[in-house]
C-alpha atoms as a PDB file:
ATOM      1  CA  MET A   1       2.497  -0.094  23.340  1.00  0.00           C
ATOM      2  CA  ASN A   2      -0.538   2.195  23.503  1.00  0.00           C
ATOM      3  CA  PHE A   3      -3.787   1.476  21.675  1.00  0.00           C
ATOM      4  CA  LYS A   4      -6.713   3.751  20.944  1.00  0.00           C
ATOM      5  CA  ASN A   5      -9.275   1.110  21.935  1.00  0.00           C
ATOM      6  CA  GLU A   6      -9.758  -2.583  22.641  1.00  0.00           C
ATOM      7  CA  LEU A   7     -10.589  -3.399  19.019  1.00  0.00           C
ATOM      8  CA  GLU A   8      -7.286  -1.962  17.829  1.00  0.00           C
ATOM      9  CA  ARG A   9      -5.386  -3.930  20.460  1.00  0.00           C
ATOM     10  CA  GLN A  10      -7.062  -7.216  19.517  1.00  0.00           C
ATOM     11  CA  VAL A  11      -6.596  -6.686  15.779  1.00  0.00           C
ATOM     12  CA  PHE A  12      -2.939  -5.817  16.315  1.00  0.00           C
ATOM     13  CA  GLU A  13      -2.351  -8.929  18.420  1.00  0.00           C
ATOM     14  CA  ILE A  14      -3.967 -11.187  15.802  1.00  0.00           C
ATOM     15  CA  ALA A  15      -1.888  -9.637  13.022  1.00  0.00           C
ATOM     16  CA  HIS A  16       1.262  -9.935  15.145  1.00  0.00           C
ATOM     17  CA  LYS A  17       0.528 -13.606  15.841  1.00  0.00           C
ATOM     18  CA  VAL A  18       0.316 -14.268  12.102  1.00  0.00           C
ATOM     19  CA  CYS A  19       2.918 -11.853  10.712  1.00  0.00           C
ATOM     20  CA  GLY A  20       5.332 -11.455  13.623  1.00  0.00           C
ATOM     21  CA  ASP A  21       7.440  -8.325  13.970  1.00  0.00           C
ATOM     22  CA  GLY A  22       6.356  -7.051  10.572  1.00  0.00           C
ATOM     23  CA  VAL A  23       3.279  -5.512  12.240  1.00  0.00           C
ATOM     24  CA  THR A  24       3.275  -1.926  13.492  1.00  0.00           C
ATOM     25  CA  VAL A  25       0.650   0.492  14.783  1.00  0.00           C
ATOM     26  CA  GLU A  26       0.881   4.238  14.201  1.00  0.00           C
ATOM     27  CA  HIS A  27      -1.352   6.923  15.674  1.00  0.00           C
ATOM     28  CA  ASN A  28      -1.792  10.355  14.142  1.00  0.00           C
ATOM     29  CA  LYS A  29       0.271   9.444  11.088  1.00  0.00           C
ATOM     30  CA  VAL A  30       0.069  12.563   8.932  1.00  0.00           C
ATOM     31  CA  LEU A  31      -1.002  12.401   5.298  1.00  0.00           C
ATOM     32  CA  ALA A  32      -2.067  15.452   3.378  1.00  0.00           C
ATOM     33  CA  ILE A  33      -5.255  14.326   1.630  1.00  0.00           C
ATOM     34  CA  GLU A  34      -7.378  16.736  -0.351  1.00  0.00           C
ATOM     35  CA  ARG A  35     -11.075  16.291   0.401  1.00  0.00           C
ATOM     36  CA  ALA A  36     -12.916  15.640  -2.847  1.00  0.00           C
ATOM     37  CA  LEU A  37     -15.424  13.262  -4.325  1.00  0.00           C
ATOM     38  CA  MET A  38     -12.758  11.101  -5.896  1.00  0.00           C
ATOM     39  CA  PRO A  39      -9.777   9.660  -3.974  1.00  0.00           C
ATOM     40  CA  GLU A  40      -7.520   9.968  -7.044  1.00  0.00           C
ATOM     41  CA  VAL A  41      -6.656  13.530  -6.020  1.00  0.00           C
ATOM     42  CA  ALA A  42      -5.104  12.345  -2.743  1.00  0.00           C
ATOM     43  CA  SER A  43      -1.534  13.569  -2.330  1.00  0.00           C
ATOM     44  CA  PHE A  44       1.075  14.317   0.293  1.00  0.00           C
ATOM     45  CA  ALA A  45       0.958  18.025  -0.539  1.00  0.00           C
ATOM     46  CA  GLY A  46      -1.842  20.491  -0.082  1.00  0.00           C
ATOM     47  CA  PRO A  47      -4.475  21.055   2.614  1.00  0.00           C
ATOM     48  CA  PRO A  48      -5.990  19.713   4.648  1.00  0.00           C
ATOM     49  CA  LYS A  49      -3.635  17.373   6.436  1.00  0.00           C
ATOM     50  CA  LYS A  50      -5.220  14.148   7.607  1.00  0.00           C
ATOM     51  CA  GLU A  51      -4.109  12.271  10.701  1.00  0.00           C
ATOM     52  CA  ILE A  52      -4.832   8.563  10.566  1.00  0.00           C
ATOM     53  CA  ASP A  53      -4.499   5.595  12.887  1.00  0.00           C
ATOM     54  CA  VAL A  54      -3.159   2.609  10.977  1.00  0.00           C
ATOM     55  CA  ILE A  55      -2.028  -0.943  11.654  1.00  0.00           C
ATOM     56  CA  THR A  56       0.489  -2.020   9.017  1.00  0.00           C
ATOM     57  CA  ALA A  57       1.054  -5.743   8.508  1.00  0.00           C
ATOM     58  CA  ARG A  58       4.069  -6.365   6.289  1.00  0.00           C
ATOM     59  CA  ILE A  59       3.479  -9.708   4.602  1.00  0.00           C
ATOM     60  CA  ASN A  60       6.743  -9.768   2.663  1.00  0.00           C
ATOM     61  CA  PRO A  61       9.129  -7.139   1.202  1.00  0.00           C
ATOM     62  CA  ASN A  62       6.653  -6.501  -1.611  1.00  0.00           C
ATOM     63  CA  ILE A  63       3.245  -6.343   0.102  1.00  0.00           C
ATOM     64  CA  SER A  64       1.836  -4.625   3.199  1.00  0.00           C
ATOM     65  CA  ILE A  65      -1.748  -4.538   4.475  1.00  0.00           C
ATOM     66  CA  LEU A  66      -3.041  -1.235   5.884  1.00  0.00           C
ATOM     67  CA  VAL A  67      -5.774  -1.894   8.465  1.00  0.00           C
ATOM     68  CA  SER A  68      -8.223   0.726   9.740  1.00  0.00           C
ATOM     69  CA  CYS A  69     -10.148  -0.171  12.920  1.00  0.00           C
ATOM     70  CA  LYS A  70     -13.486   1.593  13.317  1.00  0.00           C
ATOM     71  CA  GLU A  71     -15.256   1.171  16.626  1.00  0.00           C
ATOM     72  CA  PHE A  72     -18.640   2.883  16.922  1.00  0.00           C
ATOM     73  CA  GLU A  73     -21.346   2.581  19.554  1.00  0.00           C
ATOM     74  CA  GLY A  74     -24.534   1.405  17.894  1.00  0.00           C
ATOM     75  CA  SER A  75     -23.813   2.798  14.412  1.00  0.00           C
ATOM     76  CA  LYS A  76     -22.250   1.473  11.228  1.00  0.00           C
ATOM     77  CA  ALA A  77     -19.316   2.770   9.233  1.00  0.00           C
ATOM     78  CA  GLU A  78     -20.358   5.299   6.576  1.00  0.00           C
ATOM     79  CA  PRO A  79     -19.110   5.661   2.988  1.00  0.00           C
ATOM     80  CA  ALA A  80     -16.847   8.518   4.127  1.00  0.00           C
ATOM     81  CA  HIS A  81     -14.872   6.098   6.327  1.00  0.00           C
ATOM     82  CA  VAL A  82     -14.256   3.726   3.426  1.00  0.00           C
ATOM     83  CA  GLN A  83     -13.579   6.618   1.045  1.00  0.00           C
ATOM     84  CA  GLU A  84     -10.946   7.889   3.467  1.00  0.00           C
ATOM     85  CA  TRP A  85      -9.175   4.527   3.447  1.00  0.00           C
ATOM     86  CA  CYS A  86      -9.322   4.367  -0.340  1.00  0.00           C
ATOM     87  CA  ALA A  87      -7.468   7.668  -0.396  1.00  0.00           C
ATOM     88  CA  VAL A  88      -4.931   6.550   2.190  1.00  0.00           C
ATOM     89  CA  VAL A  89      -4.097   3.306   0.388  1.00  0.00           C
ATOM     90  CA  GLN A  90      -3.880   5.011  -2.979  1.00  0.00           C
ATOM     91  CA  THR A  91      -1.600   7.699  -1.588  1.00  0.00           C
ATOM     92  CA  MET A  92       0.691   5.152   0.022  1.00  0.00           C
ATOM     93  CA  ASN A  93       0.928   3.234  -3.242  1.00  0.00           C
ATOM     94  CA  ARG A  94       1.629   6.371  -5.246  1.00  0.00           C
ATOM     95  CA  TYR A  95       4.556   7.419  -3.088  1.00  0.00           C
ATOM     96  CA  SER A  96       5.915   4.033  -1.981  1.00  0.00           C
ATOM     97  CA  ASP A  97       9.451   2.832  -2.575  1.00  0.00           C
ATOM     98  CA  GLY A  98       8.285  -0.312  -4.336  1.00  0.00           C
ATOM     99  CA  THR A  99       6.013  -1.783  -1.662  1.00  0.00           C
ATOM    100  CA  LYS A 100       2.434  -2.414  -2.762  1.00  0.00           C
ATOM    101  CA  TYR A 101      -0.305  -1.662  -0.240  1.00  0.00           C
ATOM    102  CA  LEU A 102      -3.713  -3.308   0.174  1.00  0.00           C
ATOM    103  CA  GLY A 103      -6.382  -1.930   2.490  1.00  0.00           C
ATOM    104  CA  LEU A 104      -8.750  -3.446   5.063  1.00  0.00           C
ATOM    105  CA  VAL A 105     -11.419  -1.736   7.148  1.00  0.00           C
ATOM    106  CA  VAL A 106     -12.602  -3.580  10.271  1.00  0.00           C
ATOM    107  CA  CYS A 107     -15.826  -2.322  11.881  1.00  0.00           C
ATOM    108  CA  PRO A 108     -17.666  -4.785  14.196  1.00  0.00           C
ATOM    109  CA  THR A 109     -20.950  -2.884  13.897  1.00  0.00           C
ATOM    110  CA  GLY A 110     -20.872  -3.258  10.112  1.00  0.00           C
ATOM    111  CA  PHE A 111     -21.160  -0.960   7.099  1.00  0.00           C
ATOM    112  CA  THR A 112     -23.944   0.968   5.392  1.00  0.00           C
ATOM    113  CA  LYS A 113     -24.815  -0.038   1.834  1.00  0.00           C
ATOM    114  CA  GLY A 114     -23.099   3.001   0.342  1.00  0.00           C
ATOM    115  CA  CYS A 115     -19.728   1.619   1.433  1.00  0.00           C
ATOM    116  CA  GLU A 116     -19.667  -1.201  -1.103  1.00  0.00           C
ATOM    117  CA  PRO A 117     -19.241   0.900  -4.281  1.00  0.00           C
ATOM    118  CA  TRP A 118     -16.168   2.565  -2.792  1.00  0.00           C
ATOM    119  CA  ALA A 119     -14.717  -0.695  -1.526  1.00  0.00           C
ATOM    120  CA  THR A 120     -15.198  -2.611  -4.774  1.00  0.00           C
ATOM    121  CA  SER A 121     -14.010   0.144  -7.111  1.00  0.00           C
ATOM    122  CA  HIS A 122     -10.885   0.830  -5.022  1.00  0.00           C
ATOM    123  CA  ASN A 123     -10.136  -2.725  -3.890  1.00  0.00           C
ATOM    124  CA  ILE A 124     -10.647  -2.291  -0.133  1.00  0.00           C
ATOM    125  CA  GLY A 125     -11.559  -5.348   1.952  1.00  0.00           C
ATOM    126  CA  LEU A 126     -14.446  -4.987   4.429  1.00  0.00           C
ATOM    127  CA  ILE A 127     -14.815  -6.990   7.649  1.00  0.00           C
ATOM    128  CA  PRO A 128     -17.541  -8.054   8.378  1.00  0.00           C
ATOM    129  CA  PRO A 129     -18.976  -8.654   4.875  1.00  0.00           C
ATOM    130  CA  LEU A 130     -21.633  -6.329   3.531  1.00  0.00           C
ATOM    131  CA  LYS A 131     -24.614  -8.329   2.229  1.00  0.00           C
ATOM    132  CA  GLY A 132     -27.579  -6.090   2.988  1.00  0.00           C
ATOM    133  CA  LYS A 133     -28.870  -8.328   5.773  1.00  0.00           C
ATOM    134  CA  LYS A 134     -29.523  -7.059   9.287  1.00  0.00           C
ATOM    135  CA  LEU A 135     -27.631  -9.878  10.941  1.00  0.00           C
ATOM    136  CA  GLU A 136     -25.180  -8.497  13.492  1.00  0.00           C
ATOM    137  CA  PHE A 137     -21.987 -10.308  14.376  1.00  0.00           C
ATOM    138  CA  PRO A 138     -20.589 -10.604  17.903  1.00  0.00           C
ATOM    139  CA  PRO A 139     -17.207  -8.855  18.237  1.00  0.00           C
ATOM    140  CA  GLU A 140     -15.436 -12.185  18.732  1.00  0.00           C
ATOM    141  CA  THR A 141     -16.777 -13.407  15.368  1.00  0.00           C
ATOM    142  CA  VAL A 142     -15.478 -10.287  13.614  1.00  0.00           C
ATOM    143  CA  LEU A 143     -12.052 -10.968  15.115  1.00  0.00           C
ATOM    144  CA  LYS A 144     -12.205 -14.555  13.830  1.00  0.00           C
ATOM    145  CA  MET A 145     -12.990 -13.146  10.388  1.00  0.00           C
ATOM    146  CA  PHE A 146      -9.943 -10.893  10.562  1.00  0.00           C
ATOM    147  CA  GLU A 147      -7.731 -13.769  11.699  1.00  0.00           C
ATOM    148  CA  ARG A 148      -8.972 -15.914   8.828  1.00  0.00           C
ATOM    149  CA  VAL A 149      -8.279 -13.130   6.313  1.00  0.00           C
ATOM    150  CA  ILE A 150      -4.820 -12.171   7.557  1.00  0.00           C
ATOM    151  CA  GLY A 151      -3.841 -15.840   7.760  1.00  0.00           C
ATOM    152  CA  ALA A 152      -5.057 -16.503   4.216  1.00  0.00           C
ATOM    153  CA  ILE A 153      -3.247 -13.430   2.884  1.00  0.00           C
ATOM    154  CA  SER A 154       0.016 -14.495   4.508  1.00  0.00           C
ATOM    155  CA  LYS A 155      -0.232 -17.861   2.727  1.00  0.00           C
ATOM    156  CA  ARG A 156      -1.560 -16.568  -0.594  1.00  0.00           C
ATOM    157  CA  ILE A 157       0.818 -13.667  -1.230  1.00  0.00           C
ATOM    158  CA  PRO A 158       4.089 -15.658  -1.182  1.00  0.00           C
ATOM    159  CA  LEU A 159       2.622 -17.741  -4.027  1.00  0.00           C
ATOM    160  CA  ALA A 160       1.033 -14.976  -6.110  1.00  0.00           C
ATOM    161  CA  TYR A 161      -0.224 -11.473  -5.438  1.00  0.00           C
ATOM    162  CA  VAL A 162      -0.236  -9.460  -8.666  1.00  0.00           C
ATOM    163  CA  ASP A 163      -3.810 -10.508  -9.452  1.00  0.00           C
ATOM    164  CA  LEU A 164      -4.985  -9.133  -6.086  1.00  0.00           C
ATOM    165  CA  LEU A 165      -3.789  -5.604  -6.883  1.00  0.00           C
ATOM    166  CA  SER A 166      -6.468  -4.832  -9.483  1.00  0.00           C
ATOM    167  CA  ALA A 167      -9.946  -3.871  -8.268  1.00  0.00           C
ATOM    168  CA  PRO A 168     -12.088  -5.612  -7.169  1.00  0.00           C
ATOM    169  CA  ALA A 169      -9.878  -8.706  -6.750  1.00  0.00           C
ATOM    170  CA  PHE A 170      -8.793  -8.044  -3.159  1.00  0.00           C
ATOM    171  CA  PHE A 171     -12.317  -6.987  -2.121  1.00  0.00           C
ATOM    172  CA  ASP A 172     -13.632 -10.256  -3.594  1.00  0.00           C
ATOM    173  CA  PHE A 173     -10.834 -12.285  -1.976  1.00  0.00           C
ATOM    174  CA  VAL A 174     -11.747 -10.959   1.478  1.00  0.00           C
ATOM    175  CA  PHE A 175     -15.470 -11.300   0.816  1.00  0.00           C
ATOM    176  CA  ARG A 176     -15.196 -14.980  -0.121  1.00  0.00           C
ATOM    177  CA  LEU A 177     -13.216 -15.697   3.043  1.00  0.00           C
ATOM    178  CA  VAL A 178     -15.685 -14.132   5.474  1.00  0.00           C
ATOM    179  CA  VAL A 179     -19.113 -14.261   3.839  1.00  0.00           C
ATOM    180  CA  GLY A 180     -19.717 -17.810   5.124  1.00  0.00           C
ATOM    181  CA  PHE A 181     -19.657 -16.593   8.733  1.00  0.00           C
ATOM    182  CA  GLU A 182     -23.155 -15.187   8.213  1.00  0.00           C
ATOM    183  CA  GLY A 183     -24.586 -18.644   7.677  1.00  0.00           C
ATOM    184  CA  HIS A 184     -22.493 -19.966  10.547  1.00  0.00           C
ATOM    185  CA  GLU A 185     -23.993 -17.441  12.968  1.00  0.00           C
ATOM    186  CA  GLU A 186     -27.521 -18.283  11.855  1.00  0.00           C
ATOM    187  CA  HIS A 187     -26.947 -21.997  12.361  1.00  0.00           C
ATOM    188  CA  ARG A 188     -25.179 -21.535  15.666  1.00  0.00           C
ATOM    189  CA  ALA A 189     -28.237 -19.720  17.031  1.00  0.00           C
ATOM    190  CA  GLY A 190     -30.485 -22.605  16.028  1.00  0.00           C
ATOM    191  CA  GLY A 191     -29.260 -25.279  18.425  1.00  0.00           C
ATOM    192  CA  VAL A 192     -26.775 -28.157  18.504  1.00  0.00           C
ATOM    193  CA  ARG A 193     -24.413 -28.046  15.534  1.00  0.00           C
ATOM    194  CA  TYR A 194     -21.883 -30.869  16.097  1.00  0.00           C
ATOM    195  CA  VAL A 195     -22.986 -34.372  17.044  1.00  0.00           C
ATOM    196  CA  ARG A 196     -20.917 -37.481  17.713  1.00  0.00           C
ATOM    197  CA  LEU A 197     -22.165 -40.528  15.804  1.00  0.00           C
ATOM    198  CA  GLY A 198     -23.253 -43.452  17.920  1.00  0.00           C
ATOM    199  CA  SER A 199     -23.588 -41.648  21.234  1.00  0.00           C
ATOM    200  CA  GLY A 200     -25.446 -38.596  19.875  1.00  0.00           C
ATOM    201  CA  TRP A 201     -23.428 -36.454  22.268  1.00  0.00           C
ATOM    202  CA  GLN A 202     -23.021 -32.766  21.560  1.00  0.00           C
ATOM    203  CA  SER A 203     -19.546 -32.012  20.269  1.00  0.00           C
ATOM    204  CA  SER A 204     -17.575 -29.100  18.756  1.00  0.00           C
ATOM    205  CA  PHE A 205     -15.681 -28.080  15.642  1.00  0.00           C
ATOM    206  CA  SER A 206     -12.302 -28.573  17.321  1.00  0.00           C
ATOM    207  CA  GLU A 207     -13.225 -32.113  18.431  1.00  0.00           C
ATOM    208  CA  LEU A 208     -14.408 -32.944  14.916  1.00  0.00           C
ATOM    209  CA  PHE A 209     -11.161 -31.765  13.349  1.00  0.00           C
ATOM    210  CA  GLU A 210      -9.021 -33.575  15.919  1.00  0.00           C
ATOM    211  CA  CYS A 211     -10.908 -36.764  15.062  1.00  0.00           C
ATOM    212  CA  LEU A 212     -10.592 -36.494  11.256  1.00  0.00           C
ATOM    213  CA  LYS A 213      -7.352 -34.634  10.566  1.00  0.00           C
ATOM    214  CA  GLY A 214      -4.657 -36.702   8.910  1.00  0.00           C
ATOM    215  CA  HIS A 215      -7.068 -39.450   7.863  1.00  0.00           C
ATOM    216  CA  LEU A 216      -7.344 -40.640   4.271  1.00  0.00           C
ATOM    217  CA  ILE A 217     -10.640 -40.317   2.414  1.00  0.00           C
ATOM    218  CA  ALA A 218     -11.898 -43.812   1.563  1.00  0.00           C
ATOM    219  CA  ASP A 219     -15.212 -42.936  -0.084  1.00  0.00           C
ATOM    220  CA  ILE A 220     -17.657 -40.089  -0.683  1.00  0.00           C
ATOM    221  CA  ARG A 221     -21.362 -40.691  -0.177  1.00  0.00           C
ATOM    222  CA  SER A 222     -24.687 -38.966  -0.772  1.00  0.00           C
ATOM    223  CA  ALA A 223     -28.202 -39.682   0.484  1.00  0.00           C
ATOM    224  CA  LYS A 224     -31.369 -37.567   0.323  1.00  0.00           C
ATOM    225  CA  GLY A 225     -30.575 -34.215   1.975  1.00  0.00           C
ATOM    226  CA  LEU A 226     -27.263 -35.560   3.210  1.00  0.00           C
ATOM    227  CA  THR A 227     -23.688 -35.672   1.944  1.00  0.00           C
ATOM    228  CA  GLY A 228     -20.598 -37.060   3.591  1.00  0.00           C
ATOM    229  CA  LEU A 229     -17.472 -39.136   3.424  1.00  0.00           C
ATOM    230  CA  LEU A 230     -15.841 -42.215   4.896  1.00  0.00           C
ATOM    231  CA  CYS A 231     -12.252 -42.235   6.116  1.00  0.00           C
ATOM    232  CA  ASP A 232      -9.770 -44.949   6.948  1.00  0.00           C
ATOM    233  CA  GLY A 233     -10.296 -46.291  10.452  1.00  0.00           C
ATOM    234  CA  ALA A 234     -14.064 -46.660   9.778  1.00  0.00           C
ATOM    235  CA  LEU A 235     -14.698 -42.972  10.474  1.00  0.00           C
ATOM    236  CA  ALA A 236     -17.597 -41.104   8.888  1.00  0.00           C
ATOM    237  CA  PHE A 237     -18.640 -37.477   8.357  1.00  0.00           C
ATOM    238  CA  TYR A 238     -22.210 -36.389   7.478  1.00  0.00           C
ATOM    239  CA  PHE A 239     -23.604 -32.943   6.665  1.00  0.00           C
ATOM    240  CA  ASN A 240     -27.310 -32.095   6.284  1.00  0.00           C
ATOM    241  CA  GLY A 241     -27.160 -28.299   6.418  1.00  0.00           C
ATOM    242  CA  GLU A 242     -28.131 -28.047  10.079  1.00  0.00           C
ATOM    243  CA  THR A 243     -26.058 -30.719  11.798  1.00  0.00           C
ATOM    244  CA  VAL A 244     -22.477 -31.883  11.367  1.00  0.00           C
ATOM    245  CA  SER A 245     -22.142 -35.514  12.479  1.00  0.00           C
ATOM    246  CA  TYR A 246     -18.920 -37.484  12.706  1.00  0.00           C
ATOM    247  CA  GLY A 247     -17.351 -40.509  14.366  1.00  0.00           C
ATOM    248  CA  ALA A 248     -17.611 -44.279  13.972  1.00  0.00           C
ATOM    249  CA  ASP A 249     -19.413 -45.175  10.728  1.00  0.00           C
ATOM    250  CA  ASP A 250     -23.002 -46.285  11.439  1.00  0.00           C
ATOM    251  CA  GLY A 251     -23.778 -47.294   7.841  1.00  0.00           C
ATOM    252  CA  LEU A 252     -26.514 -44.688   7.369  1.00  0.00           C
ATOM    253  CA  MET A 253     -25.022 -43.205   4.199  1.00  0.00           C
ATOM    254  CA  GLY A 254     -25.038 -46.550   2.401  1.00  0.00           C
ATOM    255  CA  LYS A 255     -28.723 -47.375   2.942  1.00  0.00           C
ATOM    256  CA  THR A 256     -30.368 -44.864   0.586  1.00  0.00           C
ATOM    257  CA  PRO A 257     -27.654 -43.600  -1.784  1.00  0.00           C
ATOM    258  CA  THR A 258     -28.402 -40.791  -4.239  1.00  0.00           C
ATOM    259  CA  LEU A 259     -26.480 -39.131  -7.051  1.00  0.00           C
ATOM    260  CA  PRO A 260     -25.525 -35.591  -5.898  1.00  0.00           C
ATOM    261  CA  ALA A 261     -24.959 -32.509  -8.019  1.00  0.00           C
ATOM    262  CA  CYS A 262     -21.216 -31.918  -8.336  1.00  0.00           C
ATOM    263  CA  LYS A 263     -19.133 -28.841  -9.167  1.00  0.00           C
ATOM    264  CA  LYS A 264     -15.441 -28.217  -9.779  1.00  0.00           C
ATOM    265  CA  ASN A 265     -13.007 -25.292  -9.954  1.00  0.00           C
ATOM    266  CA  MET A 266     -13.469 -21.773  -8.585  1.00  0.00           C
ATOM    267  CA  THR A 267     -15.988 -21.158 -11.355  1.00  0.00           C
ATOM    268  CA  PHE A 268     -18.219 -24.011 -10.116  1.00  0.00           C
ATOM    269  CA  ASP A 269     -18.359 -25.836 -13.431  1.00  0.00           C
ATOM    270  CA  ASN A 270     -20.527 -28.947 -13.562  1.00  0.00           C
ATOM    271  CA  CYS A 271     -18.726 -32.256 -13.171  1.00  0.00           C
ATOM    272  CA  ASP A 272     -19.748 -35.848 -12.590  1.00  0.00           C
ATOM    273  CA  PHE A 273     -19.662 -37.663  -9.276  1.00  0.00           C
ATOM    274  CA  GLU A 274     -17.066 -40.180 -10.422  1.00  0.00           C
ATOM    275  CA  LEU A 275     -14.557 -37.461 -11.340  1.00  0.00           C
ATOM    276  CA  LEU A 276     -14.994 -35.786  -7.953  1.00  0.00           C
ATOM    277  CA  LYS A 277     -14.456 -39.097  -6.172  1.00  0.00           C
ATOM    278  CA  LYS A 278     -11.414 -39.895  -8.295  1.00  0.00           C
ATOM    279  CA  LEU A 279      -9.824 -36.576  -7.314  1.00  0.00           C
ATOM    280  CA  ALA A 280     -10.638 -36.792  -3.584  1.00  0.00           C
ATOM    281  CA  ILE A 281     -10.390 -40.463  -2.595  1.00  0.00           C
ATOM    282  CA  GLY A 282      -6.980 -41.293  -1.197  1.00  0.00           C
ATOM    283  CA  GLN A 283      -6.309 -37.685  -0.204  1.00  0.00           C
ATOM    284  CA  ARG A 284      -5.444 -36.854   3.394  1.00  0.00           C
ATOM    285  CA  ILE A 285      -7.507 -34.292   5.343  1.00  0.00           C
ATOM    286  CA  THR A 286      -5.329 -31.335   6.394  1.00  0.00           C
ATOM    287  CA  SER A 287      -7.803 -28.585   7.345  1.00  0.00           C
ATOM    288  CA  ALA A 288     -11.505 -27.848   7.789  1.00  0.00           C
ATOM    289  CA  ALA A 289     -13.897 -24.899   7.783  1.00  0.00           C
ATOM    290  CA  ASP A 290     -17.561 -24.582   8.761  1.00  0.00           C
ATOM    291  CA  PHE A 291     -19.387 -21.919   6.706  1.00  0.00           C
ATOM    292  CA  GLY A 292     -22.838 -22.611   8.095  1.00  0.00           C
ATOM    293  CA  ASP A 293     -24.675 -23.550   4.904  1.00  0.00           C
ATOM    294  CA  HIS A 294     -21.741 -25.686   3.775  1.00  0.00           C
ATOM    295  CA  PHE A 295     -18.667 -27.435   5.165  1.00  0.00           C
ATOM    296  CA  GLU A 296     -15.231 -27.685   3.574  1.00  0.00           C
ATOM    297  CA  PHE A 297     -12.142 -29.844   4.027  1.00  0.00           C
ATOM    298  CA  GLY A 298      -8.658 -28.944   2.834  1.00  0.00           C
ATOM    299  CA  LEU A 299      -6.807 -31.876   1.273  1.00  0.00           C
ATOM    300  CA  GLU A 300      -3.088 -32.560   1.067  1.00  0.00           C
ATOM    301  CA  GLY A 301      -3.122 -32.414  -2.732  1.00  0.00           C
ATOM    302  CA  GLU A 302      -3.833 -28.649  -2.552  1.00  0.00           C
ATOM    303  CA  MET A 303      -7.557 -29.090  -3.099  1.00  0.00           C
ATOM    304  CA  ASN A 304     -10.662 -28.153  -1.133  1.00  0.00           C
ATOM    305  CA  LEU A 305     -13.613 -30.558  -0.910  1.00  0.00           C
ATOM    306  CA  GLY A 306     -16.958 -28.972  -0.019  1.00  0.00           C
ATOM    307  CA  PHE A 307     -20.288 -30.335   1.203  1.00  0.00           C
ATOM    308  CA  TYR A 308     -23.751 -28.844   0.828  1.00  0.00           C
ATOM    309  CA  PRO A 309     -26.785 -30.998   1.787  1.00  0.00           C
ATOM    310  CA  GLU A 310     -27.320 -32.091  -1.837  1.00  0.00           C
ATOM    311  CA  LEU A 311     -24.249 -30.774  -3.640  1.00  0.00           C
ATOM    312  CA  LEU A 312     -20.525 -31.482  -3.581  1.00  0.00           C
ATOM    313  CA  TYR A 313     -17.672 -29.416  -4.993  1.00  0.00           C
ATOM    314  CA  ILE A 314     -13.926 -29.718  -5.408  1.00  0.00           C
ATOM    315  CA  VAL A 315     -11.498 -26.928  -6.265  1.00  0.00           C
ATOM    316  CA  SER A 316      -7.759 -26.705  -6.761  1.00  0.00           C
ATOM    317  CA  THR A 317      -5.983 -24.178  -4.532  1.00  0.00           C
ATOM    318  CA  LYS A 318      -2.773 -24.159  -6.543  1.00  0.00           C
ATOM    319  CA  ASN A 319      -1.630 -20.878  -8.036  1.00  0.00           C
ATOM    320  CA  PRO A 320      -2.003 -19.509 -10.589  1.00  0.00           C
ATOM    321  CA  ILE A 321      -5.599 -20.727 -10.494  1.00  0.00           C
ATOM    322  CA  VAL A 322      -6.156 -20.618 -14.256  1.00  0.00           C
ATOM    323  CA  GLU A 323      -3.302 -23.053 -14.836  1.00  0.00           C
ATOM    324  CA  HIS A 324      -4.590 -25.645 -12.347  1.00  0.00           C
ATOM    325  CA  GLN A 325      -8.164 -26.282 -13.438  1.00  0.00           C
ATOM    326  CA  LEU A 326      -9.512 -29.721 -12.524  1.00  0.00           C
END
């Protein structure tokens, strides 16, 4: 298979790993898109014809993701690039045989600010996230973002997808999945991130997860500027915003306990510490994610438990979300 550039090849391979043979790449696919200020006039008839390069990831018989890879040397994607993809996705939806299409634009060098209005109003996901900061992401981080998004979509859509079809739901869905990488990059540049309790040895995210996965949460603790949990087997996890510590419990969390702020649900409603503990204790750890300014564990009861230095949150991941409030 031929690829236009290395970015396209890597994105295709990630999508293929997640979605299997439902992923295709097409070069110079012809759509007739009328150039105008508003993508609504896009159609298959009328000049000028537009040739596009597109990776299509078919998630299930009902939903496909159209991915545009933009690789520029030293410059960001402009609003015209996002506008083009808005038109492409809308055209495909208008003339589809029942399949619904969602759009992603991947550009490692980032996007100019004018891209966001187009993306939000026409429900296009942007990778990396557009936040107005000058932080640049290494190409490998952008690929991790894409893998996280395509993996999450493949799990989310079989459960529910109708809510993602209305703008800006899909844009927001993608944004929430990748925005935490910005904090992660800032922290990673600052020094040692993962530390093994007891020895103080430098560790890694993969070693942390291998140590804690499958263990039951025995307690949740909070001290000044520090939150964490205890697991069966006398294992502990601490988070202070800069350092993630884990391993054999050293008793630190029990010496100066504090009462943390606690939130619940996707809407981050206030809740008390006892309710959060009641929901999380006894749950088994099944996944983990480091977002830089906070850390999150996935629990077997279809909940996510998150740690900021002085705040804890718990959310249900069951769909539909509104029917599974905590």
